[in-house]
Amino acid sequence: MLLGTCGHAQGPISGFPAPKGEIAVALGYSFEQYDTYLQENGREEARNIETVSYNLFVEAGLNEHTALVATLPWMQVNNGQGSLQDGSLWIKYMNADKRLKRGHSRFFTAVGLSFPVGNYSPDGIAAIGQRGGVFQGRLAYQFQHDAGWFLHAQTGIDFQFTPDARSSWPLLLRSGYGNKYFYVEGWIEFVTALESGTGVQAAAGGTGSSWQRLGATFYVPVRPWVGAMVGGAWITDGEFIGRSNRLNTGVVFKL
């Protein structure tokens, strides 16, 4: 159900196991805009940035514990030349699935590698990315009640090793409810840069930026093999990132 987020915003690792042999494919579109760029120490800078992106998300269940996850976005800023941005590959492993009286308690670990795919320029405030290689590690816990609601917490480390070394600490808290007719979730994400510096001068924040973001997703299954979703995300605070609003929609296929 969670695949409608398309790996955008809060990342591609969910607290739901992927059934063995099942492949979920999500195709997403998002529009993001901001006119205020948050510098350090509360300083603000006027900018006018609009970003359009198309996102591909794939999760394949390899066995009852392990899944392979891949993402690939295409981005365009201020009606400029669009390009594939940074793809990622992940291995997601369910370490524990404990049956409780009224639900499941699950613990996951995941490791991933993000890398530039398109030949985009990393220079200027309208750059779509940094052309950086990033190692990502995640620890996730989720309690899923038999009635359909769940609680999720996730943290880890992002370590950028090219073109320079930087690291950041992510924290994600998520809750939602799903049944056979619909699925809804809300989440809050904190990302904290662990090194000081001048920050990332690009349209999209990344390693080197810090932010707090709120988001929500609503998903409806249309057929057993396809569903549609709509969502939004809002930057509420941060450093070296735009105070942006994002709207996104997508289609999820189950193969």
Protein backbone atom coordinates (compact mmCIF):
# COMPACT_ATOMS: atom_id res chain seq x y z
CA MET A 1 0.00 0.00 0.00
CA LEU A 2 2.81 2.40 0.85
CA LEU A 3 4.42 2.21 -2.59
CA GLY A 4 2.37 5.17 -3.83
CA THR A 5 4.91 7.50 -2.24
CA CYS A 6 7.16 6.45 -5.14
CA GLY A 7 10.29 6.76 -3.05
CA HIS A 8 10.05 10.54 -3.15
CA ALA A 9 9.98 12.79 -0.10
CA GLN A 10 10.61 10.52 2.87
CA GLY A 11 12.60 7.81 1.07
CA PRO A 12 11.93 4.39 -0.44
CA ILE A 13 12.04 2.13 2.65
CA SER A 14 8.68 1.16 4.14
CA GLY A 15 7.71 -1.02 7.10
CA PHE A 16 5.69 -3.45 4.99
CA PRO A 17 7.30 -6.71 3.82
CA ALA A 18 7.29 -7.47 0.08
CA PRO A 19 5.79 -10.92 -0.70
CA LYS A 20 8.17 -13.37 -2.35
CA GLY A 21 7.99 -13.17 -6.15
CA GLU A 22 5.87 -9.99 -6.18
CA ILE A 23 7.03 -6.87 -8.03
CA ALA A 24 5.48 -3.49 -7.29
CA VAL A 25 6.03 -0.65 -9.78
CA ALA A 26 5.04 2.95 -8.98
CA LEU A 27 5.05 5.76 -11.54
CA GLY A 28 4.77 9.21 -10.01
CA TYR A 29 4.56 12.88 -10.95
CA SER A 30 5.26 15.78 -8.59
CA PHE A 31 5.31 19.58 -8.71
CA GLU A 32 7.34 21.50 -6.12
CA GLN A 33 7.63 25.28 -5.67
CA TYR A 34 9.27 27.74 -3.32
CA ASP A 35 10.09 31.45 -3.25
CA THR A 36 12.09 31.51 0.01
CA TYR A 37 15.46 29.80 0.43
CA LEU A 38 16.49 29.16 4.04
CA GLN A 39 20.11 30.03 4.76
CA GLU A 40 21.89 29.35 8.05
CA ASN A 41 20.95 31.02 11.35
CA GLY A 42 17.44 31.85 10.19
CA ARG A 43 18.47 34.06 7.26
CA GLU A 44 16.20 33.97 4.22
CA GLU A 45 16.87 34.60 0.53
CA ALA A 46 14.29 35.30 -2.15
CA ARG A 47 14.31 32.73 -4.97
CA ASN A 48 11.70 31.58 -7.45
CA ILE A 49 12.08 27.86 -8.07
CA GLU A 50 9.61 25.44 -9.65
CA THR A 51 10.50 21.78 -10.07
CA VAL A 52 8.68 19.12 -12.06
CA SER A 53 9.69 15.50 -11.61
CA TYR A 54 8.67 12.06 -12.82
CA ASN A 55 9.64 9.14 -10.60
CA LEU A 56 10.00 5.40 -11.10
CA PHE A 57 9.93 3.14 -8.03
CA VAL A 58 10.33 -0.66 -8.08
CA GLU A 59 10.27 -3.11 -5.17
CA ALA A 60 10.77 -6.85 -5.80
CA GLY A 61 10.33 -9.50 -3.12
CA LEU A 62 13.29 -11.89 -3.41
CA ASN A 63 12.18 -14.12 -0.52
CA GLU A 64 10.06 -13.83 2.62
CA HIS A 65 12.69 -11.63 4.32
CA THR A 66 14.51 -9.76 1.53
CA ALA A 67 13.48 -7.22 -1.11
CA LEU A 68 15.33 -5.26 -3.79
CA VAL A 69 14.32 -1.60 -4.15
CA ALA A 70 15.23 0.79 -6.99
CA THR A 71 14.33 4.41 -7.74
CA LEU A 72 14.94 6.66 -10.74
CA PRO A 73 13.73 10.29 -11.02
CA TRP A 74 13.65 12.69 -13.98
CA MET A 75 13.64 16.38 -13.01
CA GLN A 76 13.22 19.80 -14.60
CA VAL A 77 13.71 23.18 -12.87
CA ASN A 78 12.12 26.47 -14.01
CA ASN A 79 11.24 25.06 -17.46
CA GLY A 80 14.93 24.43 -18.16
CA GLN A 81 16.42 21.35 -19.73
CA GLY A 82 15.27 18.27 -17.86
CA SER A 83 17.45 15.29 -17.03
CA LEU A 84 17.53 12.02 -15.20
CA GLN A 85 18.80 12.82 -11.71
CA ASP A 86 20.19 10.36 -9.12
CA GLY A 87 19.10 6.73 -9.11
CA SER A 88 19.31 4.46 -6.09
CA LEU A 89 19.52 0.73 -5.37
CA TRP A 90 18.64 -0.79 -1.99
CA ILE A 91 18.58 -4.15 -0.23
CA LYS A 92 15.82 -4.29 2.40
CA TYR A 93 15.86 -7.09 4.98
CA MET A 94 13.20 -7.97 7.57
CA ASN A 95 15.17 -9.00 10.66
CA ALA A 96 12.15 -9.87 12.80
CA ASP A 97 8.41 -10.36 12.41
CA LYS A 98 6.88 -11.08 15.81
CA ARG A 99 3.22 -11.95 16.02
CA LEU A 100 1.55 -10.13 18.94
CA LYS A 101 -1.92 -10.53 20.38
CA ARG A 102 -3.42 -7.88 18.10
CA GLY A 103 -0.86 -7.23 15.40
CA HIS A 104 2.69 -7.58 14.12
CA SER A 105 5.93 -6.07 15.39
CA ARG A 106 8.51 -5.83 12.59
CA PHE A 107 12.13 -4.67 12.43
CA PHE A 108 13.97 -3.92 9.17
CA THR A 109 17.46 -2.95 8.07
CA ALA A 110 18.27 -1.54 4.64
CA VAL A 111 21.38 -0.35 2.83
CA GLY A 112 21.41 1.62 -0.39
CA LEU A 113 23.61 3.49 -2.83
CA SER A 114 22.53 6.68 -4.60
CA PHE A 115 24.45 7.79 -7.70
CA PRO A 116 24.06 10.29 -10.59
CA VAL A 117 22.45 8.86 -13.71
CA GLY A 118 21.89 11.92 -15.91
CA ASN A 119 24.59 14.20 -17.27
CA TYR A 120 23.21 17.27 -15.50
CA SER A 121 25.22 20.26 -14.28
CA PRO A 122 25.58 20.60 -10.47
CA ASP A 123 26.30 24.35 -10.69
CA GLY A 124 23.90 27.19 -9.90
CA ILE A 125 20.82 27.62 -7.76
CA ALA A 126 18.65 25.82 -10.34
CA ALA A 127 20.79 22.66 -10.39
CA ILE A 128 18.72 19.48 -9.94
CA GLY A 129 21.38 17.82 -7.78
CA GLN A 130 25.03 17.59 -6.72
CA ARG A 131 26.20 14.60 -8.81
CA GLY A 132 27.20 12.94 -5.56
CA GLY A 133 27.63 9.32 -4.59
CA VAL A 134 25.82 8.59 -1.32
CA PHE A 135 25.80 5.48 0.88
CA GLN A 136 22.57 5.19 2.85
CA GLY A 137 21.78 2.94 5.80
CA ARG A 138 18.41 2.60 7.54
CA LEU A 139 16.95 0.94 10.65
CA ALA A 140 13.16 0.78 10.75
CA TYR A 141 10.55 -0.46 13.22
CA GLN A 142 6.84 -0.82 12.54
CA PHE A 143 3.89 -1.97 14.61
CA GLN A 144 0.93 -2.96 12.47
CA HIS A 145 -2.40 -3.53 14.23
CA ASP A 146 -4.87 -6.10 12.92
CA ALA A 147 -7.49 -3.33 12.70
CA GLY A 148 -5.43 -1.66 9.93
CA TRP A 149 -3.54 1.18 11.61
CA PHE A 150 0.23 1.28 12.07
CA LEU A 151 3.09 3.21 13.71
CA HIS A 152 6.49 3.50 12.03
CA ALA A 153 9.89 4.92 13.07
CA GLN A 154 13.03 5.01 10.94
CA THR A 155 16.56 6.39 11.28
CA GLY A 156 20.06 5.78 9.96
CA ILE A 157 22.89 7.62 8.19
CA ASP A 158 23.52 9.17 4.78
CA PHE A 159 27.21 9.42 3.86
CA GLN A 160 28.16 11.31 0.70
CA PHE A 161 31.60 10.22 -0.50
CA THR A 162 31.80 12.12 -3.82
CA PRO A 163 32.48 14.85 -4.86
CA ASP A 164 33.33 15.58 -1.20
CA ALA A 165 32.68 13.86 2.13
CA ARG A 166 29.55 14.89 4.00
CA SER A 167 27.08 13.07 6.20
CA SER A 168 23.59 13.59 7.57
CA TRP A 169 21.26 11.98 10.09
CA PRO A 170 17.65 11.25 9.03
CA LEU A 171 14.70 10.57 11.33
CA LEU A 172 11.24 9.64 10.06
CA LEU A 173 8.03 9.13 12.05
CA ARG A 174 4.95 7.86 10.22
CA SER A 175 1.45 6.68 11.07
CA GLY A 176 -1.50 5.61 8.96
CA TYR A 177 -4.47 3.37 8.37
CA GLY A 178 -5.43 1.04 5.54
CA ASN A 179 -8.23 -1.30 4.55
CA LYS A 180 -9.38 -2.86 1.27
CA TYR A 181 -10.99 0.43 0.16
CA PHE A 182 -8.29 3.05 0.89
CA TYR A 183 -5.00 3.81 2.61
CA VAL A 184 -3.98 7.08 4.30
CA GLU A 185 -0.79 8.13 6.10
CA GLY A 186 0.85 11.17 7.65
CA TRP A 187 4.54 11.62 8.40
CA ILE A 188 7.19 13.99 9.70
CA GLU A 189 10.81 13.86 8.57
CA PHE A 190 13.91 15.45 10.15
CA VAL A 191 17.25 15.51 8.31
CA THR A 192 20.27 17.02 10.10
CA ALA A 193 23.61 17.73 8.41
CA LEU A 194 26.48 16.56 10.61
CA GLU A 195 29.16 18.89 9.19
CA SER A 196 29.19 22.66 9.00
CA GLY A 197 29.81 24.36 5.69
CA THR A 198 28.37 26.61 3.03
CA GLY A 199 25.56 24.21 2.24
CA VAL A 200 24.21 23.04 -1.08
CA GLN A 201 23.47 25.73 -3.66
CA ALA A 202 20.94 23.77 -5.70
CA ALA A 203 17.18 23.72 -6.27
CA ALA A 204 16.84 20.38 -4.49
CA GLY A 205 18.28 19.95 -1.02
CA GLY A 206 20.47 17.01 -0.17
CA THR A 207 23.49 16.06 1.90
CA GLY A 208 24.74 19.33 3.36
CA SER A 209 21.21 20.62 3.97
CA SER A 210 19.04 20.24 7.07
CA TRP A 211 15.26 20.33 7.11
CA GLN A 212 11.98 19.45 8.75
CA ARG A 213 9.21 18.24 6.44
CA LEU A 214 5.56 17.22 6.91
CA GLY A 215 3.69 15.05 4.45
CA ALA A 216 0.58 13.00 3.75
CA THR A 217 -0.49 10.33 1.25
CA PHE A 218 -3.89 8.98 0.18
CA TYR A 219 -4.12 5.78 -1.88
CA VAL A 220 -7.09 3.96 -3.45
CA PRO A 221 -6.90 0.48 -5.03
CA VAL A 222 -8.71 0.52 -8.38
CA ARG A 223 -8.20 -3.16 -9.19
CA PRO A 224 -6.30 -5.92 -7.33
CA TRP A 225 -3.26 -5.14 -9.53
CA VAL A 226 -3.40 -1.33 -9.79
CA GLY A 227 -4.10 1.68 -7.57
CA ALA A 228 -3.84 5.49 -7.61
CA MET A 229 -2.50 7.94 -5.05
CA VAL A 230 -2.20 11.65 -4.28
CA GLY A 231 0.02 13.32 -1.69
CA GLY A 232 1.77 16.42 -0.51
CA ALA A 233 4.87 17.51 1.43
CA TRP A 234 5.83 20.80 3.05
CA ILE A 235 9.20 22.06 4.31
CA THR A 236 8.54 23.89 7.57
CA ASP A 237 12.11 24.73 8.66
CA GLY A 238 15.73 24.07 7.77
CA GLU A 239 19.06 25.39 6.51
CA PHE A 240 20.30 25.53 2.92
CA ILE A 241 16.98 24.40 1.51
CA GLY A 242 13.88 26.01 0.01
CA ARG A 243 10.70 26.35 2.08
CA SER A 244 8.83 24.37 -0.51
CA ASN A 245 5.36 22.95 -1.12
CA ARG A 246 5.06 19.72 -3.08
CA LEU A 247 2.07 18.02 -4.63
CA ASN A 248 2.39 14.56 -6.14
CA THR A 249 0.29 11.88 -7.75
CA GLY A 250 1.00 8.42 -9.04
CA VAL A 251 -0.11 4.98 -10.17
CA VAL A 252 0.98 1.72 -8.51
CA PHE A 253 1.07 -1.63 -10.31
CA LYS A 254 1.42 -5.02 -8.61
CA LEU A 255 2.91 -7.73 -10.83
